[in-house]
Structures are given as C-alpha cells and as structure tokens.
PDB file of N, CA and C in Angstrom:
ATOM      1  N   UNK A   1      20.614 -14.502  35.190  1.00  0.00           N
ATOM      2  CA  UNK A   1      19.511 -13.582  35.043  1.00  0.00           C
ATOM      3  C   UNK A   1      20.029 -12.277  34.442  1.00  0.00           C
ATOM      4  N   UNK A   2      19.294 -11.753  33.470  1.00  0.00           N
ATOM      5  CA  UNK A   2      19.711 -10.526  32.792  1.00  0.00           C
ATOM      6  C   UNK A   2      19.519  -9.325  33.715  1.00  0.00           C
ATOM      7  N   UNK A   3      20.454  -8.395  33.613  1.00  0.00           N
ATOM      8  CA  UNK A   3      20.383  -7.190  34.407  1.00  0.00           C
ATOM      9  C   UNK A   3      19.286  -6.259  33.896  1.00  0.00           C
ATOM     10  N   UNK A   4      19.194  -6.169  32.572  1.00  0.00           N
ATOM     11  CA  UNK A   4      18.175  -5.322  31.957  1.00  0.00           C
ATOM     12  C   UNK A   4      17.245  -6.182  31.123  1.00  0.00           C
ATOM     13  N   UNK A   5      15.974  -5.919  31.227  1.00  0.00           N
ATOM     14  CA  UNK A   5      14.991  -6.649  30.439  1.00  0.00           C
ATOM     15  C   UNK A   5      14.734  -5.869  29.157  1.00  0.00           C
ATOM     16  N   UNK A   6      14.950  -6.511  28.029  1.00  0.00           N
ATOM     17  CA  UNK A   6      14.721  -5.871  26.740  1.00  0.00           C
ATOM     18  C   UNK A   6      13.219  -5.845  26.469  1.00  0.00           C
ATOM     19  N   UNK A   7      12.693  -4.681  26.186  1.00  0.00           N
ATOM     20  CA  UNK A   7      11.265  -4.533  25.915  1.00  0.00           C
ATOM     21  C   UNK A   7      11.094  -3.860  24.569  1.00  0.00           C
ATOM     22  N   UNK A   8      10.211  -4.406  23.765  1.00  0.00           N
ATOM     23  CA  UNK A   8       9.898  -3.806  22.480  1.00  0.00           C
ATOM     24  C   UNK A   8       8.906  -2.678  22.718  1.00  0.00           C
ATOM     25  N   UNK A   9       9.244  -1.502  22.252  1.00  0.00           N
ATOM     26  CA  UNK A   9       8.372  -0.352  22.440  1.00  0.00           C
ATOM     27  C   UNK A   9       7.888   0.121  21.083  1.00  0.00           C
ATOM     28  N   UNK A  10       6.592   0.295  20.960  1.00  0.00           N
ATOM     29  CA  UNK A  10       6.016   0.787  19.723  1.00  0.00           C
ATOM     30  C   UNK A  10       5.810   2.291  19.778  1.00  0.00           C
ATOM     31  N   UNK A  11       5.433   2.823  18.663  1.00  0.00           N
ATOM     32  CA  UNK A  11       5.130   4.249  18.578  1.00  0.00           C
ATOM     33  C   UNK A  11       3.685   4.462  19.008  1.00  0.00           C
ATOM     34  N   UNK A  12       3.380   5.610  19.576  1.00  0.00           N
ATOM     35  CA  UNK A  12       1.990   5.880  19.962  1.00  0.00           C
ATOM     36  C   UNK A  12       1.068   5.776  18.741  1.00  0.00           C
ATOM     37  N   UNK A  13      -0.078   5.163  18.939  1.00  0.00           N
ATOM     38  CA  UNK A  13      -1.045   5.028  17.858  1.00  0.00           C
ATOM     39  C   UNK A  13      -0.847   3.799  16.988  1.00  0.00           C
ATOM     40  N   UNK A  14       0.128   2.955  17.299  1.00  0.00           N
ATOM     41  CA  UNK A  14       0.305   1.707  16.545  1.00  0.00           C
ATOM     42  C   UNK A  14      -0.522   0.620  17.209  1.00  0.00           C
ATOM     43  N   UNK A  15      -1.239  -0.108  16.395  1.00  0.00           N
ATOM     44  CA  UNK A  15      -2.101  -1.175  16.893  1.00  0.00           C
ATOM     45  C   UNK A  15      -1.643  -2.506  16.323  1.00  0.00           C
ATOM     46  N   UNK A  16      -1.772  -3.554  17.108  1.00  0.00           N
ATOM     47  CA  UNK A  16      -1.351  -4.894  16.721  1.00  0.00           C
ATOM     48  C   UNK A  16      -2.466  -5.887  17.042  1.00  0.00           C
ATOM     49  N   UNK A  17      -2.411  -7.032  16.365  1.00  0.00           N
ATOM     50  CA  UNK A  17      -3.318  -8.125  16.681  1.00  0.00           C
ATOM     51  C   UNK A  17      -2.467  -9.290  17.155  1.00  0.00           C
ATOM     52  N   UNK A  18      -2.691  -9.731  18.383  1.00  0.00           N
ATOM     53  CA  UNK A  18      -1.944 -10.851  18.954  1.00  0.00           C
ATOM     54  C   UNK A  18      -2.606 -12.155  18.534  1.00  0.00           C
ATOM     55  N   UNK A  19      -1.840 -12.988  17.851  1.00  0.00           N
ATOM     56  CA  UNK A  19      -2.350 -14.270  17.370  1.00  0.00           C
ATOM     57  C   UNK A  19      -2.528 -15.279  18.506  1.00  0.00           C
ATOM     58  N   UNK A  20      -1.701 -15.189  19.508  1.00  0.00           N
ATOM     59  CA  UNK A  20      -1.771 -16.140  20.622  1.00  0.00           C
ATOM     60  C   UNK A  20      -2.980 -15.851  21.520  1.00  0.00           C
ATOM     61  N   UNK A  21      -3.185 -14.584  21.857  1.00  0.00           N
ATOM     62  CA  UNK A  21      -4.268 -14.213  22.770  1.00  0.00           C
ATOM     63  C   UNK A  21      -5.548 -13.798  22.036  1.00  0.00           C
ATOM     64  N   UNK A  22      -5.439 -13.665  20.704  1.00  0.00           N
ATOM     65  CA  UNK A  22      -6.575 -13.270  19.859  1.00  0.00           C
ATOM     66  C   UNK A  22      -7.216 -11.979  20.352  1.00  0.00           C
ATOM     67  N   UNK A  23      -6.341 -10.970  20.520  1.00  0.00           N
ATOM     68  CA  UNK A  23      -6.833  -9.675  20.974  1.00  0.00           C
ATOM     69  C   UNK A  23      -6.030  -8.552  20.340  1.00  0.00           C
ATOM     70  N   UNK A  24      -6.633  -7.393  20.323  1.00  0.00           N
ATOM     71  CA  UNK A  24      -5.984  -6.189  19.803  1.00  0.00           C
ATOM     72  C   UNK A  24      -5.219  -5.542  20.945  1.00  0.00           C
ATOM     73  N   UNK A  25      -4.018  -5.050  20.639  1.00  0.00           N
ATOM     74  CA  UNK A  25      -3.229  -4.369  21.661  1.00  0.00           C
ATOM     75  C   UNK A  25      -2.637  -3.087  21.085  1.00  0.00           C
ATOM     76  N   UNK A  26      -2.591  -2.059  21.903  1.00  0.00           N
ATOM     77  CA  UNK A  26      -1.966  -0.812  21.473  1.00  0.00           C
ATOM     78  C   UNK A  26      -0.507  -0.889  21.858  1.00  0.00           C
ATOM     79  N   UNK A  27       0.339  -0.752  20.861  1.00  0.00           N
ATOM     80  CA  UNK A  27       1.761  -0.954  21.100  1.00  0.00           C
ATOM     81  C   UNK A  27       2.028  -2.438  21.223  1.00  0.00           C
ATOM     82  N   UNK A  28       3.206  -2.886  20.878  1.00  0.00           N
ATOM     83  CA  UNK A  28       3.471  -4.330  20.943  1.00  0.00           C
ATOM     84  C   UNK A  28       3.616  -4.798  22.386  1.00  0.00           C
ATOM     85  N   UNK A  29       2.709  -5.656  22.798  1.00  0.00           N
ATOM     86  CA  UNK A  29       2.789  -6.255  24.133  1.00  0.00           C
ATOM     87  C   UNK A  29       3.379  -7.658  24.048  1.00  0.00           C
ATOM     88  N   UNK A  30       3.045  -8.368  22.978  1.00  0.00           N
ATOM     89  CA  UNK A  30       3.494  -9.751  22.805  1.00  0.00           C
ATOM     90  C   UNK A  30       4.662  -9.791  21.822  1.00  0.00           C
ATOM     91  N   UNK A  31       5.405 -10.898  21.811  1.00  0.00           N
ATOM     92  CA  UNK A  31       6.544 -11.028  20.901  1.00  0.00           C
ATOM     93  C   UNK A  31       6.118 -10.900  19.432  1.00  0.00           C
ATOM     94  N   UNK A  32       7.026 -10.417  18.597  1.00  0.00           N
ATOM     95  CA  UNK A  32       6.744 -10.191  17.177  1.00  0.00           C
ATOM     96  C   UNK A  32       6.262 -11.457  16.484  1.00  0.00           C
ATOM     97  N   UNK A  33       6.747 -12.618  16.900  1.00  0.00           N
ATOM     98  CA  UNK A  33       6.354 -13.883  16.259  1.00  0.00           C
ATOM     99  C   UNK A  33       4.874 -14.202  16.476  1.00  0.00           C
ATOM    100  N   UNK A  34       4.249 -13.539  17.445  1.00  0.00           N
ATOM    101  CA  UNK A  34       2.859 -13.823  17.786  1.00  0.00           C
ATOM    102  C   UNK A  34       1.886 -12.721  17.381  1.00  0.00           C
ATOM    103  N   UNK A  35       2.307 -11.784  16.533  1.00  0.00           N
ATOM    104  CA  UNK A  35       1.408 -10.674  16.238  1.00  0.00           C
ATOM    105  C   UNK A  35       1.465 -10.223  14.786  1.00  0.00           C
ATOM    106  N   UNK A  36       0.366  -9.620  14.348  1.00  0.00           N
ATOM    107  CA  UNK A  36       0.278  -8.935  13.060  1.00  0.00           C
ATOM    108  C   UNK A  36       0.289  -7.448  13.352  1.00  0.00           C
ATOM    109  N   UNK A  37       0.881  -6.669  12.471  1.00  0.00           N
ATOM    110  CA  UNK A  37       0.846  -5.221  12.621  1.00  0.00           C
ATOM    111  C   UNK A  37       2.201  -4.614  12.349  1.00  0.00           C
ATOM    112  N   UNK A  38       2.323  -3.345  12.480  1.00  0.00           N
ATOM    113  CA  UNK A  38       1.370  -2.424  13.091  1.00  0.00           C
ATOM    114  C   UNK A  38       0.277  -1.987  12.110  1.00  0.00           C
ATOM    115  N   UNK A  39      -0.860  -1.642  12.680  1.00  0.00           N
ATOM    116  CA  UNK A  39      -1.989  -1.081  11.945  1.00  0.00           C
ATOM    117  C   UNK A  39      -2.190   0.355  12.407  1.00  0.00           C
ATOM    118  N   UNK A  40      -2.781   1.160  11.552  1.00  0.00           N
ATOM    119  CA  UNK A  40      -2.971   2.582  11.837  1.00  0.00           C
ATOM    120  C   UNK A  40      -4.103   2.842  12.824  1.00  0.00           C
ATOM    121  N   UNK A  41      -5.046   1.903  12.945  1.00  0.00           N
ATOM    122  CA  UNK A  41      -6.187   2.123  13.838  1.00  0.00           C
ATOM    123  C   UNK A  41      -6.561   0.822  14.540  1.00  0.00           C
ATOM    124  N   UNK A  42      -7.301   0.987  15.619  1.00  0.00           N
ATOM    125  CA  UNK A  42      -7.786  -0.180  16.356  1.00  0.00           C
ATOM    126  C   UNK A  42      -8.719  -1.014  15.476  1.00  0.00           C
ATOM    127  N   UNK A  43      -9.587  -0.332  14.726  1.00  0.00           N
ATOM    128  CA  UNK A  43     -10.531  -1.028  13.852  1.00  0.00           C
ATOM    129  C   UNK A  43      -9.842  -1.893  12.817  1.00  0.00           C
ATOM    130  N   UNK A  44      -8.762  -1.370  12.252  1.00  0.00           N
ATOM    131  CA  UNK A  44      -8.013  -2.134  11.262  1.00  0.00           C
ATOM    132  C   UNK A  44      -7.374  -3.367  11.918  1.00  0.00           C
ATOM    133  N   UNK A  45      -6.838  -3.199  13.113  1.00  0.00           N
ATOM    134  CA  UNK A  45      -6.230  -4.330  13.830  1.00  0.00           C
ATOM    135  C   UNK A  45      -7.278  -5.376  14.194  1.00  0.00           C
ATOM    136  N   UNK A  46      -8.505  -4.939  14.499  1.00  0.00           N
ATOM    137  CA  UNK A  46      -9.577  -5.877  14.829  1.00  0.00           C
ATOM    138  C   UNK A  46      -9.921  -6.783  13.650  1.00  0.00           C
ATOM    139  N   UNK A  47      -9.643  -6.322  12.442  1.00  0.00           N
ATOM    140  CA  UNK A  47      -9.935  -7.096  11.236  1.00  0.00           C
ATOM    141  C   UNK A  47      -8.676  -7.749  10.651  1.00  0.00           C
ATOM    142  N   UNK A  48      -7.646  -7.917  11.462  1.00  0.00           N
ATOM    143  CA  UNK A  48      -6.367  -8.451  10.991  1.00  0.00           C
ATOM    144  C   UNK A  48      -6.513  -9.831  10.339  1.00  0.00           C
ATOM    145  N   UNK A  49      -7.284 -10.707  10.939  1.00  0.00           N
ATOM    146  CA  UNK A  49      -7.428 -12.055  10.388  1.00  0.00           C
ATOM    147  C   UNK A  49      -8.189 -12.022   9.067  1.00  0.00           C
ATOM    148  N   UNK A  50      -9.183 -11.159   8.980  1.00  0.00           N
ATOM    149  CA  UNK A  50      -9.947 -10.988   7.744  1.00  0.00           C
ATOM    150  C   UNK A  50      -9.048 -10.456   6.626  1.00  0.00           C
ATOM    151  N   UNK A  51      -8.231  -9.458   6.961  1.00  0.00           N
ATOM    152  CA  UNK A  51      -7.294  -8.870   5.998  1.00  0.00           C
ATOM    153  C   UNK A  51      -6.312  -9.928   5.517  1.00  0.00           C
ATOM    154  N   UNK A  52      -5.789 -10.728   6.442  1.00  0.00           N
ATOM    155  CA  UNK A  52      -4.842 -11.784   6.083  1.00  0.00           C
ATOM    156  C   UNK A  52      -5.495 -12.817   5.172  1.00  0.00           C
ATOM    157  N   UNK A  53      -6.741 -13.191   5.466  1.00  0.00           N
ATOM    158  CA  UNK A  53      -7.467 -14.166   4.635  1.00  0.00           C
ATOM    159  C   UNK A  53      -7.659 -13.620   3.219  1.00  0.00           C
ATOM    160  N   UNK A  54      -8.030 -12.337   3.106  1.00  0.00           N
ATOM    161  CA  UNK A  54      -8.228 -11.717   1.796  1.00  0.00           C
ATOM    162  C   UNK A  54      -6.921 -11.673   1.008  1.00  0.00           C
ATOM    163  N   UNK A  55      -5.837 -11.336   1.680  1.00  0.00           N
ATOM    164  CA  UNK A  55      -4.527 -11.294   1.005  1.00  0.00           C
ATOM    165  C   UNK A  55      -4.095 -12.683   0.554  1.00  0.00           C
ATOM    166  N   UNK A  56      -4.354 -13.687   1.376  1.00  0.00           N
ATOM    167  CA  UNK A  56      -4.023 -15.064   0.988  1.00  0.00           C
ATOM    168  C   UNK A  56      -4.835 -15.498  -0.225  1.00  0.00           C
ATOM    169  N   UNK A  57      -6.122 -15.145  -0.247  1.00  0.00           N
ATOM    170  CA  UNK A  57      -6.964 -15.477  -1.403  1.00  0.00           C
ATOM    171  C   UNK A  57      -6.450 -14.794  -2.668  1.00  0.00           C
ATOM    172  N   UNK A  58      -6.066 -13.528  -2.544  1.00  0.00           N
ATOM    173  CA  UNK A  58      -5.513 -12.813  -3.697  1.00  0.00           C
ATOM    174  C   UNK A  58      -4.250 -13.497  -4.196  1.00  0.00           C
ATOM    175  N   UNK A  59      -3.404 -13.907  -3.282  1.00  0.00           N
ATOM    176  CA  UNK A  59      -2.153 -14.589  -3.643  1.00  0.00           C
ATOM    177  C   UNK A  59      -2.453 -15.924  -4.331  1.00  0.00           C
ATOM    178  N   UNK A  60      -3.372 -16.683  -3.766  1.00  0.00           N
ATOM    179  CA  UNK A  60      -3.705 -17.998  -4.315  1.00  0.00           C
ATOM    180  C   UNK A  60      -4.326 -17.925  -5.705  1.00  0.00           C
ATOM    181  N   UNK A  61      -5.013 -16.837  -6.007  1.00  0.00           N
ATOM    182  CA  UNK A  61      -5.695 -16.731  -7.295  1.00  0.00           C
ATOM    183  C   UNK A  61      -4.971 -15.820  -8.284  1.00  0.00           C
ATOM    184  N   UNK A  62      -3.812 -15.310  -7.938  1.00  0.00           N
ATOM    185  CA  UNK A  62      -3.055 -14.431  -8.831  1.00  0.00           C
ATOM    186  C   UNK A  62      -2.318 -15.278  -9.869  1.00  0.00           C
ATOM    187  N   UNK A  63      -2.687 -15.157 -11.147  1.00  0.00           N
ATOM    188  CA  UNK A  63      -2.067 -15.999 -12.174  1.00  0.00           C
ATOM    189  C   UNK A  63      -0.569 -15.729 -12.359  1.00  0.00           C
ATOM    190  N   UNK A  64      -0.105 -14.585 -11.924  1.00  0.00           N
ATOM    191  CA  UNK A  64       1.335 -14.285 -12.064  1.00  0.00           C
ATOM    192  C   UNK A  64       2.195 -15.162 -11.176  1.00  0.00           C
ATOM    193  N   UNK A  65       1.615 -15.814 -10.176  1.00  0.00           N
ATOM    194  CA  UNK A  65       2.384 -16.610  -9.236  1.00  0.00           C
ATOM    195  C   UNK A  65       2.210 -18.106  -9.436  1.00  0.00           C
ATOM    196  N   UNK A  66       1.607 -18.488 -10.549  1.00  0.00           N
ATOM    197  CA  UNK A  66       1.402 -19.913 -10.821  1.00  0.00           C
ATOM    198  C   UNK A  66       2.025 -20.277 -12.159  1.00  0.00           C
ATOM    199  N   UNK A  67       2.596 -21.468 -12.232  1.00  0.00           N
ATOM    200  CA  UNK A  67       3.241 -21.923 -13.457  1.00  0.00           C
ATOM    201  C   UNK A  67       2.251 -22.506 -14.455  1.00  0.00           C
ATOM    202  N   UNK A  68       1.116 -22.974 -13.985  1.00  0.00           N
ATOM    203  CA  UNK A  68       0.131 -23.581 -14.875  1.00  0.00           C
ATOM    204  C   UNK A  68      -0.526 -22.507 -15.734  1.00  0.00           C
ATOM    205  N   UNK A  69      -0.756 -22.792 -17.014  1.00  0.00           N
ATOM    206  CA  UNK A  69      -1.446 -21.828 -17.880  1.00  0.00           C
ATOM    207  C   UNK A  69      -2.839 -21.521 -17.349  1.00  0.00           C
ATOM    208  N   UNK A  70      -3.331 -20.344 -17.650  1.00  0.00           N
ATOM    209  CA  UNK A  70      -4.650 -19.922 -17.176  1.00  0.00           C
ATOM    210  C   UNK A  70      -5.707 -20.931 -17.608  1.00  0.00           C
ATOM    211  N   UNK A  71      -6.604 -21.268 -16.717  1.00  0.00           N
ATOM    212  CA  UNK A  71      -7.676 -22.198 -17.023  1.00  0.00           C
ATOM    213  C   UNK A  71      -7.356 -23.650 -16.701  1.00  0.00           C
ATOM    214  N   UNK A  72      -6.082 -23.967 -16.475  1.00  0.00           N
ATOM    215  CA  UNK A  72      -5.703 -25.336 -16.133  1.00  0.00           C
ATOM    216  C   UNK A  72      -5.441 -25.419 -14.635  1.00  0.00           C
ATOM    217  N   UNK A  73      -5.866 -26.506 -14.030  1.00  0.00           N
ATOM    218  CA  UNK A  73      -5.599 -26.721 -12.609  1.00  0.00           C
ATOM    219  C   UNK A  73      -4.398 -27.619 -12.462  1.00  0.00           C
ATOM    220  N   UNK A  74      -3.660 -27.387 -11.407  1.00  0.00           N
ATOM    221  CA  UNK A  74      -2.443 -28.160 -11.159  1.00  0.00           C
ATOM    222  C   UNK A  74      -2.728 -29.602 -10.779  1.00  0.00           C
ATOM    223  N   UNK A  75      -3.904 -29.876 -10.202  1.00  0.00           N
ATOM    224  CA  UNK A  75      -4.186 -31.225  -9.743  1.00  0.00           C
ATOM    225  C   UNK A  75      -4.929 -32.067 -10.771  1.00  0.00           C
ATOM    226  N   UNK A  76      -5.058 -31.588 -12.005  1.00  0.00           N
ATOM    227  CA  UNK A  76      -5.717 -32.358 -13.080  1.00  0.00           C
ATOM    228  C   UNK A  76      -4.830 -33.465 -13.588  1.00  0.00           C
TER     229      UNK A  76
END
C-alpha cells in the first residue's frame, strides 16, 4: 500500500467533462484517460461531446488530410 496517494490537482476555474460518468466536474476528479478538458467555463465543458463531434467532422472533411483528389471518394 502506498504511503502517499497521488492526486491530480487542477487550477481553479478549470472545467472537465468525464467520459465515464458523463458529467462536468470542476478540477480533475477522474483520471486523465476518462476526461476531456480543461475548458475555461462550465458551459463549454457541458458541450464537450458536441465540440468533439464538430472537430471530428472538420477532420474527416478536410481535404488536406486525404490522399484522394478532391471530388473522388476512397470507396469508389
């Protein structure tokens, strides 16, 4: 058993979204592998999944990251 328990401490005003518990938390409560953040506000953390979906869509549709010429689909 460890003598000291290592705890991750965030800065005041940092907000996170826990993927496991699907909740917003001020300061990191859950392990880093289970959370998105930090976000500047609670409202921004509440929309973490929406933000991630939008970023994924941008990545998927960015022609700079695909080898196929514009207008051609890879599965054709």
